[in-house]
Amino acid sequence: MKIRLRQVEGFLALADTLSFSRAAQRLGMTQPAFSQMIRELEDALELPLFERSTRRVQLLPAGEQLLDRMRAGLDHLQEAYQQAQALARLEQGQLAVATLPSLACGAVLRVMSAFRQQHPGIALRLYEDHNRQILETLAAGKVDLAVGSAMPDIRQLDFEPLFEDELACILPIGHPLSTQPEIDWKQLADETMILVAASSQTYQMVRETLAVLARGKQAEYQTLNSVTALSMVRAGFGLTMIPAITLPELNMEGLCQRPMGVPKPSRQVGIFRRQGAGLSPAAQAFSRMLGEALRTRTTSTA
């Protein structure tokens, strides 16, 4: 048995007006077409709903019993339609984004702030973690999208590259290497190194390159975040490498940055989405805003 929404609307219109002509007019139908629709509804239900005569139309007991439920059902559909329209217009909804700490403190946070101002009805959530962890969070369906660096061994996720971000070498102002336009990896062999203990391929590349080009060099210190690493450089513990995109958001007092020589320690930053999973209107809008903000960004380590 299939009942069309139009038939329910016709039933309610006839129950309200008790007139085939007025009910047909309310629905913008001809009276013969409206009468046929009501007969088809009764046939589908295998139940007469109205008593008809040349003088009046009256609801039968069966119609009386169905009236409240039909009206409630239509009200629920109308509420669902209005909610869907609100979601489509970004008047309500929710958005969860996972990202790297180096992006959360600056680029992503700025876009989230602009998004919240434009769409105050959207509830926002932000998760920050190392790259592999945020991608696992996305794959598990706990967030709508993730902003991180490319990883070739990640499956079931689509990646949209946005820009290339280099790690810059951070030194105290006045350090002998600070006068050079860029730093050769070999020159770090006799320096004390502080690295962020991230599992990303970029930091792994740094460790491997130091070992190969800087006489087996290993980092003497590992920190959980860039802020600690910079504080240690400022306190004279050694040198570090930090993603260039993060530096404008950090306290660089007493410090300077220099680019590394070949091979460049860089990462491709972009947006990850689950394959085959459509984005909500809020996630689509945020993804567009983020893409526009980051795709045109140029990073500098000068």
Protein backbone atom coordinates (compact mmCIF):
# COMPACT_ATOMS: atom_id res chain seq x y z
CA MET A 1 0.00 0.00 0.00
CA LYS A 2 1.41 3.39 -1.02
CA ILE A 3 -0.13 6.66 0.08
CA ARG A 4 1.09 9.84 -1.53
CA LEU A 5 1.68 13.05 0.40
CA ARG A 6 -0.71 14.82 -1.95
CA GLN A 7 -3.47 12.40 -0.94
CA VAL A 8 -2.89 13.16 2.75
CA GLU A 9 -3.06 16.89 2.00
CA GLY A 10 -6.30 16.30 0.10
CA PHE A 11 -7.79 14.26 2.96
CA LEU A 12 -7.01 17.03 5.46
CA ALA A 13 -8.33 19.75 3.17
CA LEU A 14 -11.61 17.89 2.70
CA ALA A 15 -11.88 17.14 6.43
CA ASP A 16 -11.40 20.87 7.17
CA THR A 17 -13.78 22.24 4.54
CA LEU A 18 -16.27 19.35 4.12
CA SER A 19 -16.58 20.60 0.56
CA PHE A 20 -15.06 18.98 -2.52
CA SER A 21 -15.04 22.26 -4.41
CA ARG A 22 -13.36 24.31 -1.63
CA ALA A 23 -10.86 21.54 -0.86
CA ALA A 24 -9.94 21.22 -4.55
CA GLN A 25 -9.51 24.99 -4.75
CA ARG A 26 -7.22 24.96 -1.69
CA LEU A 27 -4.95 22.44 -3.42
CA GLY A 28 -5.17 24.15 -6.80
CA MET A 29 -6.90 21.17 -8.46
CA THR A 30 -10.00 20.72 -10.52
CA GLN A 31 -12.89 19.18 -8.60
CA PRO A 32 -13.04 15.98 -10.75
CA ALA A 33 -9.29 15.40 -10.28
CA PHE A 34 -9.61 16.03 -6.55
CA SER A 35 -12.54 13.63 -6.22
CA GLN A 36 -10.57 10.96 -8.08
CA MET A 37 -7.62 11.46 -5.74
CA ILE A 38 -9.82 10.95 -2.65
CA ARG A 39 -11.30 7.78 -4.16
CA GLU A 40 -7.80 6.48 -4.84
CA LEU A 41 -6.86 7.18 -1.21
CA GLU A 42 -9.87 5.27 0.04
CA ASP A 43 -9.09 2.41 -2.33
CA ALA A 44 -5.50 2.29 -1.12
CA LEU A 45 -6.64 2.18 2.50
CA GLU A 46 -9.51 -0.18 1.64
CA LEU A 47 -11.59 2.04 3.86
CA PRO A 48 -14.30 4.68 3.19
CA LEU A 49 -13.42 7.95 4.87
CA PHE A 50 -16.26 10.30 3.86
CA GLU A 51 -20.00 10.08 3.54
CA ARG A 52 -21.06 11.87 0.39
CA SER A 53 -24.48 13.14 -0.62
CA THR A 54 -25.75 15.85 -2.89
CA ARG A 55 -26.28 18.06 0.13
CA ARG A 56 -23.24 17.48 2.33
CA VAL A 57 -19.90 15.78 2.96
CA GLN A 58 -19.23 14.25 6.37
CA LEU A 59 -16.30 12.37 7.91
CA LEU A 60 -17.07 8.76 8.69
CA PRO A 61 -15.86 7.31 12.03
CA ALA A 62 -12.85 5.76 10.32
CA GLY A 63 -11.94 9.16 8.92
CA GLU A 64 -12.38 10.74 12.36
CA GLN A 65 -9.94 8.22 13.83
CA LEU A 66 -7.34 8.90 11.15
CA LEU A 67 -7.65 12.68 11.18
CA ASP A 68 -5.38 13.49 14.14
CA ARG A 69 -2.67 11.06 13.04
CA MET A 70 -2.76 12.28 9.45
CA ARG A 71 -2.49 15.88 10.66
CA ALA A 72 0.34 15.05 13.08
CA GLY A 73 2.18 13.14 10.37
CA LEU A 74 1.94 16.08 7.98
CA ASP A 75 3.12 18.45 10.72
CA HIS A 76 6.15 16.22 11.34
CA LEU A 77 6.95 16.20 7.62
CA GLN A 78 6.67 19.98 7.52
CA GLU A 79 9.01 20.27 10.50
CA ALA A 80 11.48 17.92 8.82
CA TYR A 81 11.28 19.98 5.62
CA GLN A 82 11.89 23.22 7.53
CA GLN A 83 14.85 21.65 9.35
CA ALA A 84 16.30 20.42 6.06
CA GLN A 85 15.96 23.91 4.63
CA ALA A 86 17.70 25.37 7.69
CA LEU A 87 20.56 22.89 7.24
CA ALA A 88 20.84 23.75 3.56
CA ARG A 89 20.86 27.49 4.34
CA LEU A 90 23.52 26.93 7.05
CA GLU A 91 21.16 28.30 9.69
CA GLN A 92 21.70 25.26 11.90
CA GLY A 93 23.77 22.08 12.00
CA GLN A 94 27.16 21.00 13.28
CA LEU A 95 30.68 20.67 11.94
CA ALA A 96 33.62 18.73 13.39
CA VAL A 97 37.14 19.33 12.02
CA ALA A 98 40.36 17.50 12.89
CA THR A 99 43.69 19.16 12.20
CA LEU A 100 47.36 19.35 13.09
CA PRO A 101 48.42 21.56 16.01
CA SER A 102 50.57 23.59 13.63
CA LEU A 103 47.44 24.46 11.63
CA ALA A 104 44.96 24.61 14.50
CA CYS A 105 46.70 27.56 16.14
CA GLY A 106 46.61 29.70 13.01
CA ALA A 107 45.22 29.06 9.54
CA VAL A 108 42.42 26.64 10.44
CA LEU A 109 41.41 28.64 13.52
CA ARG A 110 41.13 31.84 11.50
CA VAL A 111 38.87 30.17 8.95
CA MET A 112 36.75 28.65 11.74
CA SER A 113 36.38 32.10 13.29
CA ALA A 114 35.26 33.62 9.99
CA PHE A 115 32.90 30.69 9.42
CA ARG A 116 31.34 31.12 12.87
CA GLN A 117 30.73 34.80 12.23
CA GLN A 118 29.00 34.05 8.93
CA HIS A 119 27.04 31.04 10.23
CA PRO A 120 26.46 31.45 13.99
CA GLY A 121 23.83 28.67 14.01
CA ILE A 122 26.43 25.98 13.20
CA ALA A 123 27.94 24.25 16.23
CA LEU A 124 31.70 23.85 15.69
CA ARG A 125 34.08 21.27 17.17
CA LEU A 126 37.85 21.16 16.70
CA TYR A 127 40.16 18.19 17.31
CA GLU A 128 43.94 18.52 17.09
CA ASP A 129 46.45 15.70 17.07
CA HIS A 130 49.33 14.25 15.07
CA ASN A 131 48.70 13.53 11.43
CA ARG A 132 48.01 9.80 11.56
CA GLN A 133 45.69 10.22 14.54
CA ILE A 134 43.53 12.89 12.88
CA LEU A 135 43.20 10.73 9.76
CA GLU A 136 42.16 7.74 11.86
CA THR A 137 39.59 9.97 13.56
CA LEU A 138 38.22 10.96 10.15
CA ALA A 139 38.16 7.37 8.85
CA ALA A 140 36.18 6.36 11.96
CA GLY A 141 33.53 8.94 11.10
CA LYS A 142 34.10 11.04 14.23
CA VAL A 143 34.74 14.25 12.26
CA ASP A 144 33.49 15.65 8.96
CA LEU A 145 36.91 16.41 7.48
CA ALA A 146 40.57 16.63 8.41
CA VAL A 147 43.25 19.16 7.54
CA GLY A 148 46.70 17.61 7.50
CA SER A 149 49.68 16.54 5.43
CA ALA A 150 49.67 13.98 2.62
CA MET A 151 50.40 10.36 3.52
CA PRO A 152 50.74 7.78 0.70
CA ASP A 153 49.70 4.80 2.82
CA ILE A 154 46.28 6.18 3.79
CA ARG A 155 43.35 4.45 2.08
CA GLN A 156 39.61 5.13 2.04
CA LEU A 157 40.29 8.87 2.19
CA ASP A 158 40.35 11.48 -0.58
CA PHE A 159 43.00 14.20 -0.40
CA GLU A 160 42.76 17.70 -1.88
CA PRO A 161 46.21 19.36 -1.83
CA LEU A 162 46.23 23.06 -0.98
CA PHE A 163 49.83 24.24 -0.52
CA GLU A 164 53.39 23.15 0.21
CA ASP A 165 54.72 24.01 3.67
CA GLU A 166 58.43 23.88 4.55
CA LEU A 167 60.04 23.35 7.92
CA ALA A 168 62.26 26.27 8.83
CA CYS A 169 65.34 26.02 11.01
CA ILE A 170 64.94 28.16 14.14
CA LEU A 171 68.06 29.67 15.70
CA PRO A 172 68.81 32.24 18.39
CA ILE A 173 69.54 35.69 16.99
CA GLY A 174 73.32 36.02 16.76
CA HIS A 175 73.94 32.31 16.21
CA PRO A 176 76.84 31.83 13.70
CA LEU A 177 74.50 30.11 11.22
CA SER A 178 71.93 32.93 11.37
CA THR A 179 73.92 35.02 8.90
CA GLN A 180 73.51 32.46 6.11
CA PRO A 181 70.69 32.68 3.53
CA GLU A 182 70.07 28.94 4.01
CA ILE A 183 71.51 26.17 6.14
CA ASP A 184 73.29 23.11 4.81
CA TRP A 185 72.34 19.87 6.52
CA LYS A 186 76.03 19.10 7.11
CA GLN A 187 76.31 22.18 9.26
CA LEU A 188 73.94 20.67 11.82
CA ALA A 189 76.26 17.78 12.64
CA ASP A 190 77.85 19.67 15.54
CA GLU A 191 74.66 21.43 16.68
CA THR A 192 72.33 20.29 19.45
CA MET A 193 68.96 19.51 17.82
CA ILE A 194 65.47 19.75 19.31
CA LEU A 195 62.71 18.08 17.32
CA VAL A 196 58.98 17.75 17.84
CA ALA A 197 58.12 14.11 18.51
CA ALA A 198 55.58 13.94 15.69
CA SER A 199 54.96 10.80 13.68
CA SER A 200 54.59 12.71 10.42
CA GLN A 201 56.60 11.80 7.35
CA THR A 202 58.12 15.29 7.36
CA TYR A 203 59.77 14.88 10.73
CA GLN A 204 60.76 11.34 9.82
CA MET A 205 62.42 12.76 6.72
CA VAL A 206 64.27 15.29 8.93
CA ARG A 207 65.58 12.53 11.18
CA GLU A 208 66.68 10.39 8.24
CA THR A 209 68.35 13.30 6.44
CA LEU A 210 70.23 14.33 9.57
CA ALA A 211 71.46 10.76 9.95
CA VAL A 212 72.65 10.59 6.33
CA LEU A 213 73.99 14.10 5.70
CA ALA A 214 75.02 15.22 9.18
CA ARG A 215 77.28 12.32 10.14
CA GLY A 216 74.63 10.19 11.83
CA LYS A 217 73.19 13.11 13.75
CA GLN A 218 70.28 12.35 16.10
CA ALA A 219 68.13 14.82 17.97
CA GLU A 220 69.27 15.28 21.55
CA TYR A 221 65.83 16.52 22.66
CA GLN A 222 62.27 15.71 21.65
CA THR A 223 59.24 17.79 22.61
CA LEU A 224 55.51 17.28 22.25
CA ASN A 225 54.82 20.66 20.67
CA SER A 226 56.41 23.57 18.84
CA VAL A 227 55.99 26.03 21.72
CA THR A 228 58.27 23.96 23.96
CA ALA A 229 60.80 23.55 21.16
CA LEU A 230 60.98 27.31 20.60
CA SER A 231 61.29 27.95 24.34
CA MET A 232 64.22 25.55 24.48
CA VAL A 233 65.93 27.29 21.54
CA ARG A 234 65.40 30.65 23.28
CA ALA A 235 66.91 29.19 26.47
CA GLY A 236 70.03 28.13 24.56
CA PHE A 237 69.46 24.36 24.42
CA GLY A 238 69.97 24.11 20.65
CA LEU A 239 68.23 24.50 17.26
CA THR A 240 64.89 23.20 16.02
CA MET A 241 62.74 22.92 12.89
CA ILE A 242 59.17 24.20 12.82
CA PRO A 243 56.56 24.37 10.01
CA ALA A 244 56.79 27.83 8.49
CA ILE A 245 53.02 28.29 8.49
CA THR A 246 53.05 28.12 12.30
CA LEU A 247 55.69 30.77 12.93
CA PRO A 248 53.47 33.90 12.64
CA GLU A 249 51.37 32.54 15.51
CA LEU A 250 54.33 31.80 17.82
CA ASN A 251 56.56 33.91 20.03
CA MET A 252 59.72 34.44 18.00
CA GLU A 253 61.30 36.94 20.39
CA GLY A 254 65.07 36.48 20.34
CA LEU A 255 64.84 33.97 17.51
CA CYS A 256 65.23 33.95 13.74
CA GLN A 257 64.38 31.48 10.99
CA ARG A 258 66.36 30.23 8.02
CA PRO A 259 65.39 27.82 5.23
CA MET A 260 67.11 24.47 4.94
CA GLY A 261 69.05 23.47 1.86
CA VAL A 262 68.33 20.51 -0.40
CA PRO A 263 66.56 18.24 0.31
CA LYS A 264 63.89 20.67 1.49
CA PRO A 265 61.98 19.40 4.56
CA SER A 266 58.47 20.06 3.31
CA ARG A 267 54.97 18.65 3.48
CA GLN A 268 51.92 18.92 1.25
CA VAL A 269 49.01 20.28 3.28
CA GLY A 270 45.42 19.70 2.24
CA ILE A 271 41.92 18.56 3.12
CA PHE A 272 41.03 14.89 3.70
CA ARG A 273 37.51 13.49 3.20
CA ARG A 274 36.10 9.99 3.49
CA GLN A 275 35.70 8.32 0.12
CA GLY A 276 32.08 7.94 -0.93
CA ALA A 277 30.77 9.99 1.99
CA GLY A 278 28.99 13.17 1.03
CA LEU A 279 29.73 16.31 3.01
CA SER A 280 27.02 18.18 4.89
CA PRO A 281 26.21 21.70 3.64
CA ALA A 282 28.22 23.10 6.58
CA ALA A 283 31.23 20.90 5.77
CA GLN A 284 31.04 21.86 2.09
CA ALA A 285 30.96 25.57 2.90
CA PHE A 286 33.83 25.28 5.40
CA SER A 287 35.89 23.24 2.94
CA ARG A 288 35.45 25.95 0.29
CA MET A 289 36.43 28.72 2.72
CA LEU A 290 39.47 26.80 3.91
CA GLY A 291 40.55 26.00 0.36
CA GLU A 292 40.31 29.64 -0.68
CA ALA A 293 42.26 30.75 2.39
CA LEU A 294 45.06 28.18 2.15
CA ARG A 295 45.40 27.60 -1.58
CA THR A 296 46.45 31.20 -2.15
CA ARG A 297 48.78 31.25 0.84
CA THR A 298 52.49 31.59 0.16
CA THR A 299 54.84 30.46 2.87
CA SER A 300 58.14 32.17 3.44
CA THR A 301 61.11 31.33 5.58
CA ALA A 302 63.00 34.49 4.78
